[in-house]
Amino acid sequence: MSPFTFKSLEQLLKVCFIVTSSLVICLWLVIGLMQQWTVVNIALTSSSVAAFLWLCFSYIYKKAIISFKRASMHLEAVSNNDYCQYAKPAFSEGKVKEFHQDLENLSAHLQLLKSRYDQHVFLVYRLIEQLDSPILVFDQHPQLTYANSAFNELFPQPWQIFRHSSPGLLGLEFIDNNWHFKDKQRDSKWQISHSEFIEHGKTHQLIVFVNIESALRQSQLSAWQQLIRVLGHEIRNSLTPVSALAQGLSLKAEGDREKQALTVITERCKHLQDFVSRYASITKPFHLNCQLMSVANIAKRLQGLLKDIALEVEIKTERFWADPAFIEQVLLNVIKNADEASQPGEKITLVFSETVNSSLIEVIDSGHGFANLDNLFVPLYSTKQNGQGIGLSFCRNIIEHHKGTIDLVNNTNAPGVTVSISLPLATTNNPPKNS
């Protein structure tokens, strides 16, 4: 290292002061000796010169350090994203003034960039809010900092209740570089993708949830539609001539036994034709005429239609949004299923309530429950001895046309099953009509 290399400006100034002071005092001593000054005069004049040099050095040192301190304060404000705080330069002209002017120009430029960035971030969050898929944002800790309104598809409460919650508290886990729900049933329903972005110098996780259940169900429905279409066509082509032949032979038959047998064949042909027609009807699209319905009215009507069933109604909300004819048909099917699964005379409970984002209808029985809940909505599948596997498929088709959901679960603390029907609340986009 060179002997004239200095590690700091302070060190350089101090060395310059010492060298300069030493030279000046030595020169002054030489002059005093040449002039034959007394020792007292030499000491007094040397002290005065040293004091003057010290005052000059202190002033220069202070002004230099203050210039850098003020610049440092300006840079510290910039590092804290404060671009409106400026430090007054220690000198009104020269390089120090130019340096502070450059800092002010840099602050103005960074302020402009931050303003543009904030506008972009604002637009991104506005776009996220408009999307139908749930989107969650976690900070670097990670903790939930933001979610869009579709969050209620994942959880029934507003997302603000879960602010600063960890992914684990929301039932999420990170495995093999992908996010998953810990609950396998929920995990099979949602496809989760994630990406990272930087906001205010901190890394955030953007997690997007896509409900693939409807896509899978639509694929299954298309397959069932094709199967039912083919089977229906073949069965009708076979039943029509058989039925016509049986009717013709019954007119010519003389014995009662032959007539009875042919009549049975004709009736079974008709039954099979009705069976095929019913299956074809569950996959056909239909138009809903939704309106704001009175819970008391629909409850009274159901109790009138189901007089033979011990139906108990709990009303916790006054109205809900649905098509009167179709929702009544769904509730009749569900309540009859609950009654058939229960012992004679056992109570069936019908509950009308409302959550933050939906109307909720629950049908609770105390029957034998289900050993397997996976295939209940599959067409042609039935747990009843004479069931046809149409009712629940038809009910789910109607509820999904309402943009709602229907779920069946075995009761946890008691025997039986709870059927939960969730329907959207009336919105300003669908002006309610009084029923």
Protein backbone atom coordinates (compact mmCIF):
# COMPACT_ATOMS: atom_id res chain seq x y z
CA MET A 1 0.00 0.00 0.00
CA SER A 2 1.28 3.49 -0.82
CA PRO A 3 2.29 5.56 2.23
CA PHE A 4 0.06 8.33 0.89
CA THR A 5 -3.07 6.13 0.66
CA PHE A 6 -5.75 7.20 3.14
CA LYS A 7 -8.73 5.10 4.24
CA SER A 8 -11.05 8.03 4.96
CA LEU A 9 -11.55 11.72 4.27
CA GLU A 10 -11.29 12.42 8.00
CA GLN A 11 -7.88 10.78 8.12
CA LEU A 12 -6.70 12.80 5.12
CA LEU A 13 -7.84 16.08 6.65
CA LYS A 14 -6.21 15.32 9.98
CA VAL A 15 -2.88 14.38 8.37
CA CYS A 16 -2.99 17.54 6.25
CA PHE A 17 -3.62 19.63 9.37
CA ILE A 18 -0.78 18.03 11.30
CA VAL A 19 1.71 18.36 8.41
CA THR A 20 0.68 21.91 7.61
CA SER A 21 0.70 23.00 11.25
CA SER A 22 4.08 21.41 11.85
CA LEU A 23 5.62 23.12 8.83
CA VAL A 24 4.15 26.51 9.71
CA ILE A 25 5.24 26.32 13.36
CA CYS A 26 8.75 25.17 12.39
CA LEU A 27 9.00 28.02 9.90
CA TRP A 28 7.79 30.43 12.53
CA LEU A 29 10.41 29.16 15.01
CA VAL A 30 13.14 29.63 12.43
CA ILE A 31 11.98 33.18 11.78
CA GLY A 32 11.91 33.87 15.53
CA LEU A 33 15.42 32.59 16.04
CA MET A 34 16.70 34.60 13.10
CA GLN A 35 15.06 37.71 14.53
CA GLN A 36 16.46 36.85 17.96
CA TRP A 37 13.03 36.82 19.63
CA THR A 38 12.81 35.87 23.22
CA VAL A 39 11.56 32.45 24.16
CA VAL A 40 8.38 33.97 25.56
CA ASN A 41 7.63 35.82 22.31
CA ILE A 42 8.37 32.73 20.26
CA ALA A 43 6.05 30.63 22.49
CA LEU A 44 3.23 33.19 22.38
CA THR A 45 3.39 33.73 18.62
CA SER A 46 3.66 29.97 17.96
CA SER A 47 0.62 29.35 20.14
CA SER A 48 -1.33 32.04 18.30
CA VAL A 49 -0.39 30.56 14.92
CA ALA A 50 -1.35 27.05 16.10
CA ALA A 51 -4.71 28.30 17.40
CA PHE A 52 -5.42 30.11 14.12
CA LEU A 53 -4.55 27.02 12.11
CA TRP A 54 -6.77 24.89 14.41
CA LEU A 55 -9.73 27.23 13.89
CA CYS A 56 -9.24 27.14 10.12
CA PHE A 57 -8.97 23.35 10.15
CA SER A 58 -12.06 22.96 12.36
CA TYR A 59 -14.13 25.12 10.04
CA ILE A 60 -13.00 23.27 6.90
CA TYR A 61 -13.43 19.87 8.59
CA LYS A 62 -16.92 20.72 9.84
CA LYS A 63 -18.10 22.07 6.46
CA ALA A 64 -16.76 19.02 4.60
CA ILE A 65 -18.31 16.50 7.01
CA ILE A 66 -21.63 18.39 7.08
CA SER A 67 -21.77 18.27 3.26
CA PHE A 68 -21.48 14.49 3.30
CA LYS A 69 -23.87 14.08 6.24
CA ARG A 70 -26.56 16.06 4.45
CA ALA A 71 -26.04 14.02 1.31
CA SER A 72 -26.21 10.85 3.45
CA MET A 73 -29.52 12.00 4.96
CA HIS A 74 -30.90 12.53 1.46
CA LEU A 75 -29.79 9.06 0.34
CA GLU A 76 -31.26 7.49 3.49
CA ALA A 77 -34.62 9.09 2.68
CA VAL A 78 -34.40 7.70 -0.87
CA SER A 79 -33.60 4.23 0.48
CA ASN A 80 -36.81 4.46 2.55
CA ASN A 81 -38.83 5.35 -0.56
CA ASP A 82 -39.19 8.95 0.59
CA TYR A 83 -38.49 11.01 -2.51
CA CYS A 84 -39.87 14.31 -1.24
CA GLN A 85 -37.27 14.99 1.46
CA TYR A 86 -34.29 17.12 0.32
CA ALA A 87 -31.15 18.13 2.24
CA LYS A 88 -29.93 21.73 1.95
CA PRO A 89 -26.37 21.77 0.57
CA ALA A 90 -23.61 23.14 2.79
CA PHE A 91 -22.40 25.34 -0.12
CA SER A 92 -24.54 27.36 -2.48
CA GLU A 93 -22.20 26.87 -5.46
CA GLY A 94 -19.58 24.51 -6.76
CA LYS A 95 -19.32 20.72 -6.80
CA VAL A 96 -21.22 20.22 -3.56
CA LYS A 97 -24.16 22.17 -4.96
CA GLU A 98 -23.96 20.17 -8.21
CA PHE A 99 -23.87 16.91 -6.23
CA HIS A 100 -27.01 17.83 -4.26
CA GLN A 101 -28.74 18.87 -7.47
CA ASP A 102 -27.94 15.45 -8.94
CA LEU A 103 -29.47 13.84 -5.84
CA GLU A 104 -32.64 15.91 -6.26
CA ASN A 105 -32.88 14.90 -9.92
CA LEU A 106 -32.42 11.27 -8.93
CA SER A 107 -35.19 11.59 -6.32
CA ALA A 108 -37.55 13.13 -8.86
CA HIS A 109 -36.81 10.34 -11.34
CA LEU A 110 -37.32 7.62 -8.73
CA GLN A 111 -40.56 9.29 -7.62
CA LEU A 112 -41.81 9.16 -11.21
CA LEU A 113 -40.85 5.49 -11.53
CA LYS A 114 -42.52 4.66 -8.21
CA SER A 115 -45.68 6.48 -9.27
CA ARG A 116 -45.81 4.45 -12.49
CA TYR A 117 -45.10 1.24 -10.59
CA ASP A 118 -47.83 1.99 -8.04
CA GLN A 119 -50.26 2.58 -10.90
CA HIS A 120 -49.32 -0.77 -12.44
CA VAL A 121 -49.66 -2.55 -9.09
CA PHE A 122 -53.03 -0.88 -8.53
CA LEU A 123 -54.22 -2.02 -11.96
CA VAL A 124 -52.96 -5.56 -11.28
CA TYR A 125 -54.87 -5.72 -8.00
CA ARG A 126 -57.96 -4.31 -9.71
CA LEU A 127 -57.65 -7.00 -12.36
CA ILE A 128 -57.21 -9.70 -9.70
CA GLU A 129 -60.35 -8.44 -7.94
CA GLN A 130 -62.38 -8.83 -11.14
CA LEU A 131 -61.35 -12.46 -11.71
CA ASP A 132 -63.73 -15.26 -10.77
CA SER A 133 -61.00 -17.61 -9.55
CA PRO A 134 -59.75 -17.25 -5.97
CA ILE A 135 -56.35 -15.54 -5.82
CA LEU A 136 -54.27 -15.21 -2.64
CA VAL A 137 -51.14 -13.12 -2.03
CA PHE A 138 -48.62 -14.09 0.67
CA ASP A 139 -45.67 -11.98 1.74
CA GLN A 140 -42.13 -13.23 2.44
CA HIS A 141 -42.92 -14.55 5.96
CA PRO A 142 -45.29 -16.02 4.47
CA GLN A 143 -48.53 -14.42 5.66
CA LEU A 144 -51.73 -13.63 3.79
CA THR A 145 -51.75 -9.98 2.73
CA TYR A 146 -54.47 -9.89 0.07
CA ALA A 147 -57.18 -11.99 -1.59
CA ASN A 148 -59.91 -11.19 -4.09
CA SER A 149 -63.65 -11.52 -3.50
CA ALA A 150 -63.65 -15.06 -4.95
CA PHE A 151 -61.93 -16.09 -1.69
CA ASN A 152 -65.38 -17.06 -0.38
CA GLU A 153 -65.34 -20.04 -2.77
CA LEU A 154 -62.57 -21.47 -0.58
CA PHE A 155 -63.78 -20.28 2.82
CA PRO A 156 -67.18 -18.93 3.92
CA GLN A 157 -65.73 -15.88 5.73
CA PRO A 158 -64.28 -12.68 4.22
CA TRP A 159 -60.56 -12.91 3.57
CA GLN A 160 -59.82 -10.01 5.95
CA ILE A 161 -60.56 -12.37 8.85
CA PHE A 162 -57.60 -14.49 7.72
CA ARG A 163 -55.22 -11.54 7.20
CA HIS A 164 -51.66 -12.42 8.29
CA SER A 165 -52.58 -16.12 8.45
CA SER A 166 -49.99 -18.66 7.32
CA PRO A 167 -50.69 -21.08 4.43
CA GLY A 168 -50.80 -23.94 6.94
CA LEU A 169 -53.61 -22.27 8.86
CA LEU A 170 -55.56 -22.12 5.56
CA GLY A 171 -55.03 -25.83 4.97
CA LEU A 172 -52.27 -25.41 2.37
CA GLU A 173 -48.92 -27.15 2.14
CA PHE A 174 -45.98 -26.81 -0.27
CA ILE A 175 -44.90 -30.21 -1.65
CA ASP A 176 -42.67 -30.94 -4.65
CA ASN A 177 -42.55 -27.27 -5.62
CA ASN A 178 -46.35 -27.03 -5.77
CA TRP A 179 -49.08 -25.91 -3.41
CA HIS A 180 -51.72 -28.43 -2.34
CA PHE A 181 -54.65 -28.63 0.03
CA LYS A 182 -54.01 -30.93 2.97
CA ASP A 183 -57.57 -32.20 2.55
CA LYS A 184 -57.40 -34.68 -0.33
CA GLN A 185 -61.02 -34.11 -1.29
CA ARG A 186 -60.48 -30.37 -1.64
CA ASP A 187 -57.15 -30.92 -3.36
CA SER A 188 -58.83 -33.00 -6.08
CA LYS A 189 -61.30 -30.17 -6.67
CA TRP A 190 -58.79 -27.33 -7.11
CA GLN A 191 -55.84 -26.87 -9.43
CA ILE A 192 -53.32 -24.55 -7.74
CA SER A 193 -50.64 -22.56 -9.56
CA HIS A 194 -48.25 -20.02 -8.09
CA SER A 195 -45.69 -17.41 -9.09
CA GLU A 196 -43.50 -14.83 -7.36
CA PHE A 197 -43.40 -11.05 -7.71
CA ILE A 198 -41.57 -8.25 -5.92
CA GLU A 199 -43.41 -5.38 -4.26
CA HIS A 200 -41.59 -2.69 -2.27
CA GLY A 201 -38.43 -4.73 -2.47
CA LYS A 202 -40.03 -7.81 -0.88
CA THR A 203 -40.86 -11.12 -2.55
CA HIS A 204 -44.53 -12.13 -2.57
CA GLN A 205 -46.28 -15.36 -3.55
CA LEU A 206 -49.27 -15.15 -5.90
CA ILE A 207 -51.40 -18.31 -5.63
CA VAL A 208 -54.23 -18.92 -8.12
CA PHE A 209 -56.96 -21.51 -7.53
CA VAL A 210 -58.88 -22.96 -10.48
CA ASN A 211 -61.93 -25.10 -9.81
CA ILE A 212 -61.53 -28.12 -12.07
CA GLU A 213 -64.52 -29.95 -10.61
CA SER A 214 -66.94 -28.37 -13.08
CA ALA A 215 -64.65 -29.22 -16.01
CA LEU A 216 -64.33 -32.82 -14.85
CA ARG A 217 -68.04 -33.01 -14.24
CA GLN A 218 -68.79 -31.55 -17.65
CA SER A 219 -66.55 -34.18 -19.21
CA GLN A 220 -68.34 -36.90 -17.27
CA LEU A 221 -71.72 -35.42 -18.18
CA SER A 222 -70.79 -35.40 -21.86
CA ALA A 223 -69.79 -39.04 -21.62
CA TRP A 224 -73.06 -39.94 -19.86
CA GLN A 225 -75.04 -37.94 -22.41
CA GLN A 226 -73.41 -39.84 -25.24
CA LEU A 227 -73.96 -43.17 -23.49
CA ILE A 228 -77.60 -42.38 -22.70
CA ARG A 229 -78.15 -41.16 -26.26
CA VAL A 230 -76.80 -44.38 -27.74
CA LEU A 231 -78.56 -46.65 -25.25
CA GLY A 232 -81.81 -44.71 -25.59
CA HIS A 233 -81.70 -44.98 -29.38
CA GLU A 234 -81.03 -48.72 -29.32
CA ILE A 235 -83.59 -49.45 -26.60
CA ARG A 236 -86.32 -47.46 -28.34
CA ASN A 237 -85.60 -49.17 -31.66
CA SER A 238 -85.93 -52.53 -29.94
CA LEU A 239 -88.91 -51.74 -27.70
CA THR A 240 -91.14 -50.13 -30.30
CA PRO A 241 -91.62 -53.26 -32.50
CA VAL A 242 -91.79 -55.53 -29.44
CA SER A 243 -94.52 -53.39 -27.88
CA ALA A 244 -96.45 -53.18 -31.14
CA LEU A 245 -96.16 -56.94 -31.66
CA ALA A 246 -97.29 -57.68 -28.09
CA GLN A 247 -100.32 -55.40 -28.46
CA GLY A 248 -101.23 -57.04 -31.75
CA LEU A 249 -100.91 -60.57 -30.36
CA SER A 250 -102.94 -59.69 -27.26
CA LEU A 251 -105.89 -58.82 -29.50
CA LYS A 252 -105.69 -62.25 -31.15
CA ALA A 253 -104.91 -64.27 -28.04
CA GLU A 254 -107.76 -66.43 -26.74
CA GLY A 255 -106.46 -67.68 -23.41
CA ASP A 256 -106.35 -65.46 -20.32
CA ARG A 257 -102.83 -66.57 -19.49
CA GLU A 258 -101.53 -65.55 -22.93
CA LYS A 259 -103.33 -62.20 -22.73
CA GLN A 260 -101.93 -61.56 -19.27
CA ALA A 261 -98.39 -62.38 -20.41
CA LEU A 262 -98.67 -60.11 -23.45
CA THR A 263 -100.10 -57.33 -21.28
CA VAL A 264 -97.11 -57.62 -18.94
CA ILE A 265 -94.75 -57.42 -21.93
CA THR A 266 -96.53 -54.28 -23.17
CA GLU A 267 -96.41 -52.65 -19.73
CA ARG A 268 -92.72 -53.43 -19.26
CA CYS A 269 -91.96 -52.03 -22.71
CA LYS A 270 -93.79 -48.84 -21.78
CA HIS A 271 -91.95 -48.72 -18.45
CA LEU A 272 -88.58 -49.06 -20.17
CA GLN A 273 -89.49 -46.37 -22.69
CA ASP A 274 -90.47 -44.00 -19.84
CA PHE A 275 -87.25 -44.94 -18.05
CA VAL A 276 -85.14 -44.00 -21.08
CA SER A 277 -87.09 -40.76 -21.58
CA ARG A 278 -86.51 -39.76 -17.97
CA TYR A 279 -82.78 -40.32 -18.27
CA ALA A 280 -82.66 -38.32 -21.48
CA SER A 281 -84.44 -35.43 -19.73
CA ILE A 282 -81.86 -35.01 -16.93
CA THR A 283 -79.13 -33.94 -19.38
CA LYS A 284 -81.23 -31.48 -21.37
CA PRO A 285 -80.63 -27.75 -20.76
CA PHE A 286 -83.49 -25.78 -19.28
CA HIS A 287 -84.30 -22.15 -18.55
CA LEU A 288 -84.59 -20.82 -15.00
CA ASN A 289 -86.96 -18.09 -13.91
CA CYS A 290 -85.30 -17.08 -10.63
CA GLN A 291 -86.94 -14.71 -8.22
CA LEU A 292 -86.80 -13.72 -4.57
CA MET A 293 -88.89 -16.36 -2.79
CA SER A 294 -90.50 -16.27 0.64
CA VAL A 295 -89.07 -18.98 2.90
CA ALA A 296 -92.29 -19.16 4.90
CA ASN A 297 -94.35 -19.74 1.74
CA ILE A 298 -92.15 -22.50 0.34
CA ALA A 299 -91.98 -24.19 3.78
CA LYS A 300 -95.76 -24.10 4.12
CA ARG A 301 -96.18 -25.53 0.62
CA LEU A 302 -93.73 -28.37 1.27
CA GLN A 303 -95.45 -29.29 4.53
CA GLY A 304 -98.77 -29.37 2.65
CA LEU A 305 -97.39 -31.64 -0.07
CA LEU A 306 -95.60 -33.96 2.40
CA LYS A 307 -98.27 -34.50 5.03
CA ASP A 308 -97.23 -38.11 5.59
CA ILE A 309 -93.67 -37.08 6.54
CA ALA A 310 -92.71 -35.75 9.99
CA LEU A 311 -91.14 -32.58 8.59
CA GLU A 312 -89.85 -29.96 11.02
CA VAL A 313 -88.89 -26.59 9.54
CA GLU A 314 -86.41 -24.10 11.04
CA ILE A 315 -86.51 -20.65 9.46
CA LYS A 316 -83.46 -18.43 10.09
CA THR A 317 -83.83 -16.21 7.03
CA GLU A 318 -86.80 -14.67 5.27
CA ARG A 319 -86.04 -15.03 1.56
CA PHE A 320 -83.77 -16.70 -0.94
CA TRP A 321 -83.12 -16.45 -4.68
CA ALA A 322 -84.20 -19.42 -6.87
CA ASP A 323 -86.61 -20.73 -9.48
CA PRO A 324 -89.79 -21.67 -7.53
CA ALA A 325 -90.76 -24.72 -9.61
CA PHE A 326 -87.31 -26.28 -9.86
CA ILE A 327 -86.21 -25.63 -6.28
CA GLU A 328 -89.48 -27.11 -5.01
CA GLN A 329 -88.84 -30.23 -7.11
CA VAL A 330 -85.32 -30.52 -5.70
CA LEU A 331 -86.50 -30.17 -2.11
CA LEU A 332 -89.29 -32.72 -2.64
CA ASN A 333 -86.79 -35.24 -4.01
CA VAL A 334 -84.30 -34.67 -1.21
CA ILE A 335 -86.90 -34.81 1.57
CA LYS A 336 -88.47 -37.98 0.15
CA ASN A 337 -85.01 -39.58 -0.05
CA ALA A 338 -84.39 -38.63 3.58
CA ASP A 339 -87.75 -40.12 4.62
CA GLU A 340 -87.07 -43.36 2.73
CA ALA A 341 -83.70 -43.67 4.48
CA SER A 342 -85.27 -43.17 7.92
CA GLN A 343 -87.49 -45.32 10.10
CA PRO A 344 -91.24 -44.67 9.84
CA GLY A 345 -92.24 -41.61 11.82
CA GLU A 346 -88.68 -40.33 12.31
CA LYS A 347 -88.30 -36.57 12.10
CA ILE A 348 -86.83 -34.85 9.03
CA THR A 349 -85.45 -31.37 9.69
CA LEU A 350 -85.48 -28.66 7.01
CA VAL A 351 -83.35 -25.60 7.85
CA PHE A 352 -83.31 -22.31 5.93
CA SER A 353 -80.42 -20.00 6.84
CA GLU A 354 -78.01 -17.50 5.30
CA THR A 355 -74.23 -17.04 5.36
CA VAL A 356 -72.22 -14.00 4.35
CA ASN A 357 -72.23 -14.95 0.68
CA SER A 358 -75.01 -17.49 0.14
CA SER A 359 -78.38 -18.85 1.11
CA LEU A 360 -78.18 -22.26 2.77
CA ILE A 361 -80.85 -24.99 2.79
CA GLU A 362 -80.18 -28.11 4.85
CA VAL A 363 -82.18 -31.35 5.01
CA ILE A 364 -81.18 -33.47 8.01
CA ASP A 365 -82.37 -37.01 8.67
CA SER A 366 -81.50 -39.64 11.28
CA GLY A 367 -81.42 -42.63 8.96
CA HIS A 368 -78.74 -45.20 8.24
CA GLY A 369 -76.41 -42.87 6.33
CA PHE A 370 -74.19 -43.85 3.41
CA ALA A 371 -71.29 -46.26 3.39
CA ASN A 372 -69.94 -44.66 0.19
CA LEU A 373 -70.59 -41.03 -0.73
CA ASP A 374 -68.43 -41.00 -3.87
CA ASN A 375 -70.97 -42.27 -6.42
CA LEU A 376 -74.20 -40.69 -5.18
CA PHE A 377 -74.39 -38.17 -8.05
CA VAL A 378 -73.38 -40.67 -10.75
CA PRO A 379 -76.25 -41.39 -13.18
CA LEU A 380 -77.61 -44.98 -13.04
CA TYR A 381 -76.17 -45.43 -9.53
CA SER A 382 -78.60 -45.95 -6.67
CA THR A 383 -78.45 -47.33 -3.14
CA LYS A 384 -82.16 -48.22 -3.22
CA GLN A 385 -83.32 -51.65 -4.24
CA ASN A 386 -85.65 -50.25 -6.90
CA GLY A 387 -83.85 -46.96 -7.46
CA GLN A 388 -83.00 -45.69 -10.93
CA GLY A 389 -80.18 -43.29 -10.06
CA ILE A 390 -81.92 -40.23 -11.50
CA GLY A 391 -83.01 -38.14 -8.51
CA LEU A 392 -79.73 -36.80 -7.13
CA SER A 393 -78.22 -36.31 -10.60
CA PHE A 394 -81.25 -34.29 -11.59
CA CYS A 395 -81.08 -32.28 -8.34
CA ARG A 396 -77.42 -31.43 -8.80
CA ASN A 397 -78.08 -30.41 -12.41
CA ILE A 398 -80.76 -27.97 -11.23
CA ILE A 399 -78.66 -26.54 -8.38
CA GLU A 400 -75.66 -26.03 -10.64
CA HIS A 401 -77.89 -24.18 -13.11
CA HIS A 402 -78.58 -21.86 -10.14
CA LYS A 403 -74.77 -21.39 -9.81
CA GLY A 404 -75.03 -23.19 -6.47
CA THR A 405 -73.74 -26.39 -4.91
CA ILE A 406 -75.27 -29.46 -3.29
CA ASP A 407 -73.36 -31.72 -0.90
CA LEU A 408 -74.22 -34.84 1.10
CA VAL A 409 -72.34 -35.76 4.29
CA ASN A 410 -72.91 -38.31 7.01
CA ASN A 411 -73.70 -36.68 10.34
CA THR A 412 -70.73 -36.78 12.69
CA ASN A 413 -72.39 -36.77 16.11
CA ALA A 414 -75.58 -38.58 15.19
CA PRO A 415 -76.87 -41.13 12.68
CA GLY A 416 -78.21 -39.95 9.35
CA VAL A 417 -77.24 -37.60 6.53
CA THR A 418 -77.21 -33.84 6.00
CA VAL A 419 -77.91 -32.52 2.51
CA SER A 420 -76.60 -28.95 2.12
CA ILE A 421 -77.79 -26.76 -0.76
CA SER A 422 -75.94 -23.46 -1.18
CA LEU A 423 -77.48 -20.82 -3.47
CA PRO A 424 -76.10 -17.39 -4.43
CA LEU A 425 -77.64 -14.35 -2.82
CA ALA A 426 -79.67 -11.98 -4.99
CA THR A 427 -77.39 -9.37 -6.62
CA THR A 428 -77.87 -6.05 -8.32
CA ASN A 429 -77.19 -7.78 -11.64
CA ASN A 430 -80.29 -9.93 -11.04
CA PRO A 431 -83.06 -7.60 -9.81
CA PRO A 432 -85.24 -9.62 -7.44
CA LYS A 433 -88.89 -10.18 -8.11
CA ASN A 434 -91.34 -10.91 -5.34
CA SER A 435 -92.87 -14.36 -5.56
